[in-house]
Amino acid sequence: MIYIIIRREISKYLVTKISCDHMFDKIERLDDNEVMIDFLLVYYISNEFIDAYIANRAMSMKHIVEKNIPLSMKKLLSQQSEF
């Protein structure tokens, strides 16, 4: 399992779709099929980033697990998994 600390990969302020897309491009090129993304000490996530994250996660060929997800994002991810 690959462990990604998102504040080190992108920032503690997750704002743009482009930064999310870039991170998922890197994830898809990894050899390991399991990826843990840690949101520890992320202070802000824009709606644009969340939308891009949900879309990229749905299209990903990797098994992605999140850790320390902010409550606002956790609600959106749980709604997404209900469909």
Protein backbone atom coordinates (compact mmCIF):
# COMPACT_ATOMS: atom_id res chain seq x y z
CA MET A 1 0.00 0.00 0.00
CA ILE A 2 1.27 3.44 -0.94
CA TYR A 3 0.74 6.11 1.73
CA ILE A 4 0.17 9.71 0.55
CA ILE A 5 0.03 12.66 2.92
CA ILE A 6 -2.01 15.07 0.84
CA ARG A 7 -0.74 18.26 2.50
CA ARG A 8 2.78 17.27 1.42
CA GLU A 9 1.69 16.22 -2.08
CA ILE A 10 -0.44 19.30 -2.76
CA SER A 11 -0.98 21.69 0.14
CA LYS A 12 -2.90 22.14 3.37
CA TYR A 13 -5.34 24.20 1.27
CA LEU A 14 -6.92 22.01 -1.40
CA VAL A 15 -8.33 24.45 -3.91
CA THR A 16 -8.04 23.62 -7.60
CA LYS A 17 -9.24 20.84 -9.85
CA ILE A 18 -5.87 20.89 -11.62
CA SER A 19 -3.98 19.98 -8.44
CA CYS A 20 -6.38 17.10 -7.79
CA ASP A 21 -6.11 15.85 -11.38
CA HIS A 22 -2.31 16.03 -11.19
CA MET A 23 -2.26 14.00 -7.96
CA PHE A 24 -4.50 11.31 -9.49
CA ASP A 25 -2.32 11.18 -12.61
CA LYS A 26 0.61 10.32 -10.31
CA ILE A 27 -1.48 7.78 -8.40
CA GLU A 28 -2.53 5.99 -11.58
CA ARG A 29 1.14 5.60 -12.61
CA LEU A 30 2.06 3.88 -9.32
CA ASP A 31 2.80 0.16 -9.40
CA ASP A 32 0.88 -0.55 -6.21
CA ASN A 33 -2.90 -1.00 -6.55
CA GLU A 34 -3.70 0.13 -3.01
CA VAL A 35 -3.34 3.78 -2.01
CA MET A 36 -4.05 5.46 1.31
CA ILE A 37 -4.58 9.22 1.19
CA ASP A 38 -4.19 11.00 4.53
CA PHE A 39 -5.96 14.34 4.92
CA LEU A 40 -4.35 15.11 8.30
CA LEU A 41 -3.89 18.86 8.88
CA VAL A 42 -5.71 19.90 5.72
CA TYR A 43 -7.34 23.20 6.63
CA TYR A 44 -9.50 23.95 3.60
CA ILE A 45 -11.02 22.00 0.72
CA SER A 46 -12.87 23.87 -2.02
CA ASN A 47 -15.99 22.51 -3.68
CA GLU A 48 -14.04 22.45 -6.96
CA PHE A 49 -11.41 20.17 -5.41
CA ILE A 50 -14.02 17.88 -3.81
CA ASP A 51 -15.90 17.51 -7.10
CA ALA A 52 -12.65 16.68 -8.93
CA TYR A 53 -11.61 14.26 -6.17
CA ILE A 54 -14.92 12.37 -6.33
CA ALA A 55 -14.77 12.17 -10.14
CA ASN A 56 -11.13 11.04 -10.19
CA ARG A 57 -11.71 8.50 -7.44
CA ALA A 58 -14.67 7.00 -9.31
CA MET A 59 -12.58 6.61 -12.50
CA SER A 60 -9.45 5.34 -10.73
CA MET A 61 -8.29 1.77 -11.26
CA LYS A 62 -6.68 1.82 -7.79
CA HIS A 63 -8.20 0.84 -4.46
CA ILE A 64 -8.19 4.17 -2.62
CA VAL A 65 -8.66 4.49 1.12
CA GLU A 66 -8.93 7.85 2.87
CA LYS A 67 -7.77 8.66 6.38
CA ASN A 68 -8.49 11.74 8.54
CA ILE A 69 -11.13 13.03 6.12
CA PRO A 70 -12.67 16.39 7.06
CA LEU A 71 -16.32 16.04 8.03
CA SER A 72 -17.65 18.09 5.08
CA MET A 73 -15.86 15.85 2.60
CA LYS A 74 -16.75 12.67 4.47
CA LYS A 75 -20.47 13.43 4.00
CA LEU A 76 -20.03 13.92 0.26
CA LEU A 77 -17.97 10.73 -0.13
CA SER A 78 -20.53 8.68 1.78
CA GLN A 79 -23.35 10.09 -0.38
CA GLN A 80 -21.36 9.18 -3.50
CA SER A 81 -20.88 5.59 -2.38
CA GLU A 82 -24.65 5.16 -1.91
CA PHE A 83 -25.26 5.39 -5.67
